[in-house]
Each structure stands twice: as structure tokens, then as C-alpha cells.
PDB file of N, CA and C in Angstrom:
ATOM      1  N   MET A   1      10.138 -12.541  -5.411  1.00  0.00           N
ATOM      2  CA  MET A   1       8.784 -12.391  -5.225  1.00  0.00           C
ATOM      3  C   MET A   1       7.089 -13.307  -5.950  1.00  0.00           C
ATOM      4  N   THR A   2       6.902 -13.683  -4.865  1.00  0.00           N
ATOM      5  CA  THR A   2       5.569 -14.381  -4.988  1.00  0.00           C
ATOM      6  C   THR A   2       4.713 -14.101  -5.615  1.00  0.00           C
ATOM      7  N   ALA A   3       4.212 -15.772  -6.387  1.00  0.00           N
ATOM      8  CA  ALA A   3       3.388 -14.993  -6.899  1.00  0.00           C
ATOM      9  C   ALA A   3       1.803 -15.142  -6.436  1.00  0.00           C
ATOM     10  N   LEU A   4       1.064 -14.009  -6.766  1.00  0.00           N
ATOM     11  CA  LEU A   4      -0.562 -13.941  -5.772  1.00  0.00           C
ATOM     12  C   LEU A   4      -1.541 -14.533  -6.831  1.00  0.00           C
ATOM     13  N   THR A   5      -2.749 -15.744  -6.059  1.00  0.00           N
ATOM     14  CA  THR A   5      -3.727 -15.755  -6.999  1.00  0.00           C
ATOM     15  C   THR A   5      -4.394 -14.349  -6.917  1.00  0.00           C
ATOM     16  N   GLU A   6      -5.454 -13.932  -6.882  1.00  0.00           N
ATOM     17  CA  GLU A   6      -6.615 -13.055  -6.786  1.00  0.00           C
ATOM     18  C   GLU A   6      -6.971 -12.847  -5.528  1.00  0.00           C
ATOM     19  N   SER A   7      -7.702 -14.110  -4.334  1.00  0.00           N
ATOM     20  CA  SER A   7      -7.577 -14.247  -3.498  1.00  0.00           C
ATOM     21  C   SER A   7      -6.314 -13.652  -2.399  1.00  0.00           C
ATOM     22  N   ASP A   8      -5.274 -14.194  -2.974  1.00  0.00           N
ATOM     23  CA  ASP A   8      -4.117 -14.012  -1.709  1.00  0.00           C
ATOM     24  C   ASP A   8      -3.654 -12.444  -2.289  1.00  0.00           C
ATOM     25  N   ALA A   9      -3.922 -11.771  -3.435  1.00  0.00           N
ATOM     26  CA  ALA A   9      -3.992 -10.364  -3.844  1.00  0.00           C
ATOM     27  C   ALA A   9      -5.486  -9.580  -2.991  1.00  0.00           C
ATOM     28  N   ARG A  10      -5.809 -10.367  -2.753  1.00  0.00           N
ATOM     29  CA  ARG A  10      -7.528  -9.371  -2.041  1.00  0.00           C
ATOM     30  C   ARG A  10      -7.171  -9.431  -0.558  1.00  0.00           C
ATOM     31  N   ASP A  11      -6.755 -10.517  -0.010  1.00  0.00           N
ATOM     32  CA  ASP A  11      -6.109 -10.737   1.486  1.00  0.00           C
ATOM     33  C   ASP A  11      -4.635  -9.982   1.685  1.00  0.00           C
ATOM     34  N   LEU A  12      -4.045  -9.598   0.694  1.00  0.00           N
ATOM     35  CA  LEU A  12      -2.930  -8.723   1.246  1.00  0.00           C
ATOM     36  C   LEU A  12      -2.877  -7.445   1.016  1.00  0.00           C
ATOM     37  N   ILE A  13      -3.848  -6.937   0.172  1.00  0.00           N
ATOM     38  CA  ILE A  13      -4.769  -6.042   0.471  1.00  0.00           C
ATOM     39  C   ILE A  13      -5.197  -5.078   1.970  1.00  0.00           C
ATOM     40  N   ALA A  14      -6.468  -6.231   1.949  1.00  0.00           N
ATOM     41  CA  ALA A  14      -6.789  -6.615   3.279  1.00  0.00           C
ATOM     42  C   ALA A  14      -5.864  -6.162   4.381  1.00  0.00           C
ATOM     43  N   LYS A  15      -4.767  -6.906   4.540  1.00  0.00           N
ATOM     44  CA  LYS A  15      -3.831  -6.733   5.181  1.00  0.00           C
ATOM     45  C   LYS A  15      -2.764  -5.829   5.695  1.00  0.00           C
ATOM     46  N   VAL A  16      -2.598  -5.412   4.427  1.00  0.00           N
ATOM     47  CA  VAL A  16      -2.125  -3.652   4.763  1.00  0.00           C
ATOM     48  C   VAL A  16      -3.169  -2.473   4.807  1.00  0.00           C
ATOM     49  N   LEU A  17      -3.894  -2.633   4.554  1.00  0.00           N
ATOM     50  CA  LEU A  17      -5.273  -1.464   4.596  1.00  0.00           C
ATOM     51  C   LEU A  17      -5.513  -1.942   6.209  1.00  0.00           C
ATOM     52  N   ALA A  18      -4.945  -2.873   6.932  1.00  0.00           N
ATOM     53  CA  ALA A  18      -5.253  -3.356   8.444  1.00  0.00           C
ATOM     54  C   ALA A  18      -4.430  -2.564   9.053  1.00  0.00           C
ATOM     55  N   ASP A  19      -3.516  -2.054   8.457  1.00  0.00           N
ATOM     56  CA  ASP A  19      -2.206  -1.417   9.324  1.00  0.00           C
ATOM     57  C   ASP A  19      -2.685  -0.052   8.757  1.00  0.00           C
ATOM     58  N   ILE A  20      -3.109   0.345   8.021  1.00  0.00           N
ATOM     59  CA  ILE A  20      -2.922   1.905   7.700  1.00  0.00           C
ATOM     60  C   ILE A  20      -4.323   2.635   8.335  1.00  0.00           C
ATOM     61  N   ALA A  21      -5.379   1.914   8.301  1.00  0.00           N
ATOM     62  CA  ALA A  21      -6.852   2.095   8.461  1.00  0.00           C
ATOM     63  C   ALA A  21      -7.404   1.154   9.074  1.00  0.00           C
ATOM     64  N   PRO A  22      -7.216   0.593  10.642  1.00  0.00           N
ATOM     65  CA  PRO A  22      -7.752  -0.486  10.847  1.00  0.00           C
ATOM     66  C   PRO A  22      -9.561  -0.469  10.471  1.00  0.00           C
ATOM     67  N   GLU A  23     -10.232   0.740  10.995  1.00  0.00           N
ATOM     68  CA  GLU A  23     -11.119   0.598  11.041  1.00  0.00           C
ATOM     69  C   GLU A  23     -12.132   0.339   9.489  1.00  0.00           C
ATOM     70  N   VAL A  24     -11.478  -0.052   8.134  1.00  0.00           N
ATOM     71  CA  VAL A  24     -11.759  -0.029   7.312  1.00  0.00           C
ATOM     72  C   VAL A  24     -12.448  -1.708   6.975  1.00  0.00           C
ATOM     73  N   ASP A  25     -13.413  -1.585   6.478  1.00  0.00           N
ATOM     74  CA  ASP A  25     -13.856  -3.465   6.541  1.00  0.00           C
ATOM     75  C   ASP A  25     -13.727  -3.202   5.098  1.00  0.00           C
ATOM     76  N   LEU A  26     -12.895  -3.645   4.191  1.00  0.00           N
ATOM     77  CA  LEU A  26     -12.645  -4.036   2.876  1.00  0.00           C
ATOM     78  C   LEU A  26     -14.686  -5.031   1.879  1.00  0.00           C
ATOM     79  N   ASP A  27     -14.495  -5.874   2.957  1.00  0.00           N
ATOM     80  CA  ASP A  27     -16.235  -6.226   2.421  1.00  0.00           C
ATOM     81  C   ASP A  27     -17.292  -5.693   2.256  1.00  0.00           C
ATOM     82  N   GLY A  28     -17.587  -3.728   2.690  1.00  0.00           N
ATOM     83  CA  GLY A  28     -18.159  -3.431   2.497  1.00  0.00           C
ATOM     84  C   GLY A  28     -18.246  -2.619   1.127  1.00  0.00           C
ATOM     85  N   ALA A  29     -16.703  -2.914   0.544  1.00  0.00           N
ATOM     86  CA  ALA A  29     -16.296  -1.909  -0.688  1.00  0.00           C
ATOM     87  C   ALA A  29     -17.005  -2.451  -1.816  1.00  0.00           C
ATOM     88  N   ARG A  30     -17.773  -1.765  -2.432  1.00  0.00           N
ATOM     89  CA  ARG A  30     -17.726  -2.835  -3.734  1.00  0.00           C
ATOM     90  C   ARG A  30     -16.185  -2.559  -5.147  1.00  0.00           C
ATOM     91  N   PRO A  31     -16.337  -4.102  -5.528  1.00  0.00           N
ATOM     92  CA  PRO A  31     -15.040  -4.171  -6.293  1.00  0.00           C
ATOM     93  C   PRO A  31     -14.921  -3.609  -7.177  1.00  0.00           C
ATOM     94  N   ASP A  32     -16.012  -2.527  -7.915  1.00  0.00           N
ATOM     95  CA  ASP A  32     -15.689  -1.684  -9.015  1.00  0.00           C
ATOM     96  C   ASP A  32     -15.320  -0.038  -8.417  1.00  0.00           C
ATOM     97  N   GLY A  33     -16.057  -0.204  -7.471  1.00  0.00           N
ATOM     98  CA  GLY A  33     -16.007   1.481  -6.891  1.00  0.00           C
ATOM     99  C   GLY A  33     -14.622   2.077  -6.593  1.00  0.00           C
ATOM    100  N   GLN A  34     -14.170   3.107  -6.147  1.00  0.00           N
ATOM    101  CA  GLN A  34     -13.347   3.662  -6.217  1.00  0.00           C
ATOM    102  C   GLN A  34     -12.816   3.497  -4.592  1.00  0.00           C
ATOM    103  N   LEU A  35     -11.460   3.200  -4.310  1.00  0.00           N
ATOM    104  CA  LEU A  35     -11.415   2.558  -2.890  1.00  0.00           C
ATOM    105  C   LEU A  35     -11.329   3.775  -2.318  1.00  0.00           C
ATOM    106  N   GLN A  36     -10.430   5.047  -2.594  1.00  0.00           N
ATOM    107  CA  GLN A  36     -10.522   6.332  -1.497  1.00  0.00           C
ATOM    108  C   GLN A  36     -12.183   6.788  -1.880  1.00  0.00           C
ATOM    109  N   GLU A  37     -13.251   6.666  -2.403  1.00  0.00           N
ATOM    110  CA  GLU A  37     -14.519   7.033  -1.639  1.00  0.00           C
ATOM    111  C   GLU A  37     -15.007   5.787  -0.798  1.00  0.00           C
ATOM    112  N   GLU A  38     -14.999   4.475  -1.231  1.00  0.00           N
ATOM    113  CA  GLU A  38     -15.755   2.976  -0.963  1.00  0.00           C
ATOM    114  C   GLU A  38     -14.806   3.216   0.626  1.00  0.00           C
ATOM    115  N   LEU A  39     -13.654   3.515   0.980  1.00  0.00           N
ATOM    116  CA  LEU A  39     -13.294   2.981   2.101  1.00  0.00           C
ATOM    117  C   LEU A  39     -12.532   4.704   3.093  1.00  0.00           C
ATOM    118  N   GLY A  40     -13.003   5.737   2.534  1.00  0.00           N
ATOM    119  CA  GLY A  40     -12.663   7.012   3.298  1.00  0.00           C
ATOM    120  C   GLY A  40     -11.550   7.238   3.236  1.00  0.00           C
ATOM    121  N   LEU A  41     -10.278   6.685   2.405  1.00  0.00           N
ATOM    122  CA  LEU A  41      -8.886   6.647   2.211  1.00  0.00           C
ATOM    123  C   LEU A  41      -8.440   8.416   1.727  1.00  0.00           C
ATOM    124  N   ASP A  42      -7.497   8.665   2.523  1.00  0.00           N
ATOM    125  CA  ASP A  42      -7.008   9.870   2.002  1.00  0.00           C
ATOM    126  C   ASP A  42      -5.883   9.961   0.709  1.00  0.00           C
ATOM    127  N   SER A  43      -5.714  10.509   0.161  1.00  0.00           N
ATOM    128  CA  SER A  43      -4.519  10.662  -0.569  1.00  0.00           C
ATOM    129  C   SER A  43      -2.892  10.048   0.097  1.00  0.00           C
ATOM    130  N   MET A  44      -3.093  10.181   1.029  1.00  0.00           N
ATOM    131  CA  MET A  44      -1.684   9.212   2.070  1.00  0.00           C
ATOM    132  C   MET A  44      -1.813   7.969   2.576  1.00  0.00           C
ATOM    133  N   ASP A  45      -3.047   7.877   2.627  1.00  0.00           N
ATOM    134  CA  ASP A  45      -4.186   6.118   3.003  1.00  0.00           C
ATOM    135  C   ASP A  45      -3.600   5.581   1.717  1.00  0.00           C
ATOM    136  N   PHE A  46      -3.455   6.436   0.799  1.00  0.00           N
ATOM    137  CA  PHE A  46      -3.674   5.273  -1.331  1.00  0.00           C
ATOM    138  C   PHE A  46      -2.542   5.344  -1.040  1.00  0.00           C
ATOM    139  N   LEU A  47      -1.397   6.116  -0.835  1.00  0.00           N
ATOM    140  CA  LEU A  47       0.209   6.051  -0.522  1.00  0.00           C
ATOM    141  C   LEU A  47       1.099   5.435   0.266  1.00  0.00           C
ATOM    142  N   ASN A  48       0.496   5.250   1.048  1.00  0.00           N
ATOM    143  CA  ASN A  48       0.983   4.029   2.075  1.00  0.00           C
ATOM    144  C   ASN A  48       0.226   2.974   1.854  1.00  0.00           C
ATOM    145  N   LEU A  49      -0.830   2.367   1.257  1.00  0.00           N
ATOM    146  CA  LEU A  49      -1.362   1.050   0.704  1.00  0.00           C
ATOM    147  C   LEU A  49       0.164   0.532  -0.374  1.00  0.00           C
ATOM    148  N   MET A  50       0.139   1.401  -1.113  1.00  0.00           N
ATOM    149  CA  MET A  50       1.265   1.286  -2.275  1.00  0.00           C
ATOM    150  C   MET A  50       2.438   1.307  -1.835  1.00  0.00           C
ATOM    151  N   ILE A  51       2.810   1.609  -0.566  1.00  0.00           N
ATOM    152  CA  ILE A  51       4.408   1.713  -0.086  1.00  0.00           C
ATOM    153  C   ILE A  51       3.746   0.193   1.047  1.00  0.00           C
ATOM    154  N   GLY A  52       2.732   0.168   1.422  1.00  0.00           N
ATOM    155  CA  GLY A  52       2.700  -1.124   1.978  1.00  0.00           C
ATOM    156  C   GLY A  52       2.755  -2.792   1.177  1.00  0.00           C
ATOM    157  N   ILE A  53       1.944  -2.233  -0.244  1.00  0.00           N
ATOM    158  CA  ILE A  53       2.013  -3.346  -1.511  1.00  0.00           C
ATOM    159  C   ILE A  53       3.763  -4.104  -1.450  1.00  0.00           C
ATOM    160  N   HIS A  54       4.255  -2.981  -1.815  1.00  0.00           N
ATOM    161  CA  HIS A  54       5.846  -2.741  -1.942  1.00  0.00           C
ATOM    162  C   HIS A  54       6.438  -3.114  -0.807  1.00  0.00           C
ATOM    163  N   ASP A  55       6.563  -2.968   0.339  1.00  0.00           N
ATOM    164  CA  ASP A  55       6.936  -3.722   1.672  1.00  0.00           C
ATOM    165  C   ASP A  55       7.018  -4.988   1.824  1.00  0.00           C
ATOM    166  N   GLU A  56       5.198  -5.522   1.449  1.00  0.00           N
ATOM    167  CA  GLU A  56       4.678  -6.641   1.667  1.00  0.00           C
ATOM    168  C   GLU A  56       5.451  -7.763   0.348  1.00  0.00           C
ATOM    169  N   THR A  57       5.287  -6.976  -0.881  1.00  0.00           N
ATOM    170  CA  THR A  57       5.633  -8.016  -1.725  1.00  0.00           C
ATOM    171  C   THR A  57       6.790  -7.754  -2.681  1.00  0.00           C
ATOM    172  N   GLY A  58       7.404  -6.452  -2.592  1.00  0.00           N
ATOM    173  CA  GLY A  58       8.739  -6.347  -3.195  1.00  0.00           C
ATOM    174  C   GLY A  58       8.553  -5.473  -4.626  1.00  0.00           C
ATOM    175  N   LEU A  59       7.183  -5.416  -4.702  1.00  0.00           N
ATOM    176  CA  LEU A  59       6.638  -4.796  -6.200  1.00  0.00           C
ATOM    177  C   LEU A  59       6.775  -3.556  -5.720  1.00  0.00           C
ATOM    178  N   THR A  60       7.517  -2.908  -7.051  1.00  0.00           N
ATOM    179  CA  THR A  60       7.320  -1.482  -7.147  1.00  0.00           C
ATOM    180  C   THR A  60       6.157  -1.090  -7.835  1.00  0.00           C
ATOM    181  N   VAL A  61       5.114  -0.640  -7.179  1.00  0.00           N
ATOM    182  CA  VAL A  61       3.887   0.158  -8.494  1.00  0.00           C
ATOM    183  C   VAL A  61       4.556   1.484  -8.467  1.00  0.00           C
ATOM    184  N   PRO A  62       4.633   1.743  -9.626  1.00  0.00           N
ATOM    185  CA  PRO A  62       5.326   2.847 -10.201  1.00  0.00           C
ATOM    186  C   PRO A  62       3.879   3.892 -10.284  1.00  0.00           C
ATOM    187  N   GLU A  63       4.307   5.443 -10.096  1.00  0.00           N
ATOM    188  CA  GLU A  63       3.130   6.168 -10.261  1.00  0.00           C
ATOM    189  C   GLU A  63       1.810   6.294 -11.452  1.00  0.00           C
ATOM    190  N   ARG A  64       2.512   6.104 -12.565  1.00  0.00           N
ATOM    191  CA  ARG A  64       1.719   5.875 -13.539  1.00  0.00           C
ATOM    192  C   ARG A  64       0.948   5.087 -13.388  1.00  0.00           C
ATOM    193  N   ASP A  65       0.761   3.670 -12.632  1.00  0.00           N
ATOM    194  CA  ASP A  65      -0.129   2.915 -12.759  1.00  0.00           C
ATOM    195  C   ASP A  65      -0.875   2.455 -11.467  1.00  0.00           C
ATOM    196  N   TYR A  66      -0.702   4.198 -10.766  1.00  0.00           N
ATOM    197  CA  TYR A  66      -2.169   3.950  -9.939  1.00  0.00           C
ATOM    198  C   TYR A  66      -3.178   3.957 -10.478  1.00  0.00           C
ATOM    199  N   PRO A  67      -3.400   4.303 -10.958  1.00  0.00           N
ATOM    200  CA  PRO A  67      -4.895   4.403 -11.978  1.00  0.00           C
ATOM    201  C   PRO A  67      -5.561   3.097 -11.807  1.00  0.00           C
ATOM    202  N   ALA A  68      -4.529   2.149 -12.240  1.00  0.00           N
ATOM    203  CA  ALA A  68      -5.214   0.915 -12.518  1.00  0.00           C
ATOM    204  C   ALA A  68      -5.150   0.073 -11.145  1.00  0.00           C
ATOM    205  N   LEU A  69      -4.915   0.819 -10.113  1.00  0.00           N
ATOM    206  CA  LEU A  69      -5.562   0.296  -8.393  1.00  0.00           C
ATOM    207  C   LEU A  69      -6.533   0.808  -7.816  1.00  0.00           C
ATOM    208  N   SER A  70      -6.849   1.794  -8.513  1.00  0.00           N
ATOM    209  CA  SER A  70      -7.630   2.606  -7.705  1.00  0.00           C
ATOM    210  C   SER A  70      -9.012   1.922  -7.189  1.00  0.00           C
ATOM    211  N   THR A  71      -9.371   0.767  -7.785  1.00  0.00           N
ATOM    212  CA  THR A  71     -10.626  -0.091  -7.343  1.00  0.00           C
ATOM    213  C   THR A  71     -10.218  -1.550  -6.737  1.00  0.00           C
ATOM    214  N   LEU A  72     -10.663  -1.645  -5.924  1.00  0.00           N
ATOM    215  CA  LEU A  72     -10.693  -3.352  -5.700  1.00  0.00           C
ATOM    216  C   LEU A  72     -10.387  -4.185  -6.421  1.00  0.00           C
ATOM    217  N   ASP A  73     -10.945  -4.411  -7.845  1.00  0.00           N
ATOM    218  CA  ASP A  73     -10.803  -4.991  -8.584  1.00  0.00           C
ATOM    219  C   ASP A  73      -9.670  -4.815  -9.248  1.00  0.00           C
ATOM    220  N   GLY A  74      -9.234  -4.025  -9.817  1.00  0.00           N
ATOM    221  CA  GLY A  74      -8.268  -3.566 -10.346  1.00  0.00           C
ATOM    222  C   GLY A  74      -7.318  -3.566  -9.563  1.00  0.00           C
ATOM    223  N   ALA A  75      -7.225  -3.378  -8.567  1.00  0.00           N
ATOM    224  CA  ALA A  75      -5.653  -3.687  -7.565  1.00  0.00           C
ATOM    225  C   ALA A  75      -5.222  -5.360  -7.047  1.00  0.00           C
ATOM    226  N   ILE A  76      -6.478  -6.325  -7.037  1.00  0.00           N
ATOM    227  CA  ILE A  76      -6.169  -7.943  -7.076  1.00  0.00           C
ATOM    228  C   ILE A  76      -5.714  -8.061  -8.492  1.00  0.00           C
ATOM    229  N   ALA A  77      -6.052  -7.183  -9.736  1.00  0.00           N
ATOM    230  CA  ALA A  77      -6.351  -7.956 -10.884  1.00  0.00           C
ATOM    231  C   ALA A  77      -4.599  -7.464 -11.139  1.00  0.00           C
ATOM    232  N   TYR A  78      -3.968  -6.152 -11.126  1.00  0.00           N
ATOM    233  CA  TYR A  78      -2.944  -5.389 -11.160  1.00  0.00           C
ATOM    234  C   TYR A  78      -1.542  -6.549  -9.969  1.00  0.00           C
ATOM    235  N   LEU A  79      -2.035  -6.578  -8.956  1.00  0.00           N
ATOM    236  CA  LEU A  79      -1.113  -7.700  -8.340  1.00  0.00           C
ATOM    237  C   LEU A  79      -0.767  -9.165  -8.867  1.00  0.00           C
ATOM    238  N   ALA A  80      -1.707  -9.772  -9.174  1.00  0.00           N
ATOM    239  CA  ALA A  80      -2.225 -11.253  -9.532  1.00  0.00           C
ATOM    240  C   ALA A  80      -1.051 -10.846 -10.892  1.00  0.00           C
ATOM    241  N   GLU A  81      -0.993 -10.457 -11.423  1.00  0.00           N
ATOM    242  CA  GLU A  81      -0.935 -10.107 -13.014  1.00  0.00           C
ATOM    243  C   GLU A  81       0.670  -9.665 -12.754  1.00  0.00           C
ATOM    244  N   ARG A  82       0.978  -8.484 -11.929  1.00  0.00           N
ATOM    245  CA  ARG A  82       2.691  -8.369 -11.651  1.00  0.00           C
ATOM    246  C   ARG A  82       3.239  -9.243 -10.705  1.00  0.00           C
ATOM    247  N   THR A  83       2.287 -10.266 -10.312  1.00  0.00           N
ATOM    248  CA  THR A  83       2.955 -10.944  -9.204  1.00  0.00           C
ATOM    249  C   THR A  83       3.624 -12.379 -10.134  1.00  0.00           C
ATOM    250  N   ALA A  84       2.693 -12.275 -10.975  1.00  0.00           N
ATOM    251  CA  ALA A  84       2.929 -13.785 -11.690  1.00  0.00           C
ATOM    252  C   ALA A  84       4.065 -14.675 -12.262  1.00  0.00           C
TER     253      ALA A  84
END
């Protein structure tokens, strides 16, 4: 697994989201806002985001950690920390 900087983590999230919901504009999301609300994602989209993160990085995100990834800032920090 390659270590991700915060910038890399954001790019990864944007890439995975582009496959799940191409209409989503990550730049329009508040960094501290709930991803599902900010981007109009449903629960399946969020689950697919977790699966996409795993597919891209090999990092398994346990369900108990989902709240840590519920905001853009949280997801970026989580990925940077877990891949360091």
C-alpha cells in the first residue's frame, strides 16, 4: 500500500466518486460537511465509495470507522493516516 498525502487522498476520493456519481463536484463540498448530504450520495453510494477506496488502495475500512470518513476532511485525514 502506498502512503497517501492529504492531496493524494483527496484526488483518490475524487477519482472513486467520479466512477460512482460522475455528476458530483467535490470542489463544491464543504470540507466539514457530511459527504452524503453535501454530494447527494445515498447509502449505497457511500458503501461503493468505501469499496472503491479498498479497490484502489487495498485498505479495508471497517464499518465502525465509517463515521470518521463521513466528511471530506475526515476521509482525507483517515486515508493519509492509515496509509502512512
